[in-house]
C-alpha atoms as a PDB file:
ATOM      1  CA  MET A   1       6.199  -4.209 -20.758  1.00  0.00           C
ATOM      2  CA  THR A   2       5.994  -6.922 -17.796  1.00  0.00           C
ATOM      3  CA  GLU A   3       8.204  -9.826 -17.700  1.00  0.00           C
ATOM      4  CA  PRO A   4       6.265 -12.948 -17.673  1.00  0.00           C
ATOM      5  CA  CYS A   5       8.227 -15.041 -14.881  1.00  0.00           C
ATOM      6  CA  LEU A   6       7.675 -12.544 -12.196  1.00  0.00           C
ATOM      7  CA  ASN A   7       5.189 -12.488  -9.546  1.00  0.00           C
ATOM      8  CA  THR A   8       2.807  -9.520  -9.995  1.00  0.00           C
ATOM      9  CA  SER A   9       3.682  -8.320  -6.656  1.00  0.00           C
ATOM     10  CA  VAL A  10       7.180  -7.390  -7.775  1.00  0.00           C
ATOM     11  CA  TYR A  11       5.896  -4.474  -9.273  1.00  0.00           C
ATOM     12  CA  PHE A  12       4.642  -3.117  -6.119  1.00  0.00           C
ATOM     13  CA  SER A  13       7.310  -4.169  -3.476  1.00  0.00           C
ATOM     14  CA  PHE A  14      10.066  -4.673  -5.820  1.00  0.00           C
ATOM     15  CA  ASP A  15      11.380  -7.802  -4.437  1.00  0.00           C
ATOM     16  CA  ASP A  16       9.990 -11.298  -4.096  1.00  0.00           C
ATOM     17  CA  GLU A  17       8.671 -10.743  -0.817  1.00  0.00           C
ATOM     18  CA  GLY A  18       5.352  -8.710  -1.657  1.00  0.00           C
ATOM     19  CA  ASP A  19       2.736 -11.576  -2.460  1.00  0.00           C
ATOM     20  CA  GLU A  20       1.028 -11.498   0.632  1.00  0.00           C
ATOM     21  CA  TRP A  21       0.785  -7.525   0.788  1.00  0.00           C
ATOM     22  CA  LEU A  22      -0.618  -7.597  -2.420  1.00  0.00           C
ATOM     23  CA  GLU A  23      -3.181 -10.481  -1.487  1.00  0.00           C
ATOM     24  CA  PHE A  24      -4.269  -8.286   1.431  1.00  0.00           C
ATOM     25  CA  ALA A  25      -4.531  -4.983  -0.361  1.00  0.00           C
ATOM     26  CA  VAL A  26      -6.644  -6.718  -3.138  1.00  0.00           C
ATOM     27  CA  SER A  27      -9.055  -8.364  -0.463  1.00  0.00           C
ATOM     28  CA  ASN A  28      -9.240  -5.238   1.409  1.00  0.00           C
ATOM     29  CA  GLN A  29      -9.460  -2.572  -1.023  1.00  0.00           C
ATOM     30  CA  HIS A  30     -12.689  -1.087   0.311  1.00  0.00           C
ATOM     31  CA  ASP A  31     -11.570  -0.713   3.629  1.00  0.00           C
ATOM     32  CA  ILE A  32      -8.155   0.833   2.669  1.00  0.00           C
ATOM     33  CA  LYS A  33      -9.932   3.289   0.632  1.00  0.00           C
ATOM     34  CA  LEU A  34     -12.267   4.192   3.370  1.00  0.00           C
ATOM     35  CA  GLU A  35      -9.143   4.716   5.638  1.00  0.00           C
ATOM     36  CA  PHE A  36      -7.459   6.978   3.305  1.00  0.00           C
ATOM     37  CA  ALA A  37     -10.423   9.128   2.745  1.00  0.00           C
ATOM     38  CA  GLU A  38     -10.764   9.348   6.705  1.00  0.00           C
ATOM     39  CA  ASP A  39      -7.081  10.561   6.926  1.00  0.00           C
ATOM     40  CA  TYR A  40      -7.618  12.870   3.771  1.00  0.00           C
ATOM     41  CA  ALA A  41     -10.283  14.495   5.494  1.00  0.00           C
ATOM     42  CA  SER A  42      -8.693  14.994   9.217  1.00  0.00           C
ATOM     43  CA  LYS A  43      -4.725  14.763   8.810  1.00  0.00           C
ATOM     44  CA  THR A  44      -2.068  17.157   7.433  1.00  0.00           C
ATOM     45  CA  ALA A  45      -0.633  16.739   4.047  1.00  0.00           C
ATOM     46  CA  ASP A  46       2.694  15.552   6.012  1.00  0.00           C
ATOM     47  CA  ALA A  47       0.953  12.811   7.775  1.00  0.00           C
ATOM     48  CA  ILE A  48      -0.990  11.642   4.807  1.00  0.00           C
ATOM     49  CA  PHE A  49       2.225  11.301   2.852  1.00  0.00           C
ATOM     50  CA  LEU A  50       3.959   9.597   5.661  1.00  0.00           C
ATOM     51  CA  GLU A  51       1.218   7.190   5.828  1.00  0.00           C
ATOM     52  CA  TRP A  52      -0.039   6.476   2.324  1.00  0.00           C
ATOM     53  CA  PHE A  53       3.097   7.620  -0.138  1.00  0.00           C
ATOM     54  CA  SER A  54       6.294   7.331   1.604  1.00  0.00           C
ATOM     55  CA  ILE A  55       8.490   4.174   1.058  1.00  0.00           C
ATOM     56  CA  ARG A  56       9.375   4.367   4.716  1.00  0.00           C
ATOM     57  CA  GLY A  57       5.464   4.753   4.895  1.00  0.00           C
ATOM     58  CA  GLY A  58       3.346   4.324   7.824  1.00  0.00           C
ATOM     59  CA  GLU A  59       1.965   1.055   9.495  1.00  0.00           C
ATOM     60  CA  ARG A  60      -1.903   1.528   9.345  1.00  0.00           C
ATOM     61  CA  PHE A  61      -2.590  -2.072   8.086  1.00  0.00           C
ATOM     62  CA  GLY A  62       0.499  -3.584   9.348  1.00  0.00           C
ATOM     63  CA  TYR A  63       2.404  -3.095   6.166  1.00  0.00           C
ATOM     64  CA  SER A  64       4.761  -0.200   5.404  1.00  0.00           C
END
């Protein structure tokens, strides 16, 4: 269940600071998927985890 008064981005960033990031992610999903596929094919599991899944994540697109 979602809370009607919260920005959609709060479900991704866990604060009210994520609108810019969410707009970027939605607008650039094709490029993000291509970059992930490239990393998946060429990087170690640890490097992929750090860039794509860690809360202290990478900076590929200027956002952690």
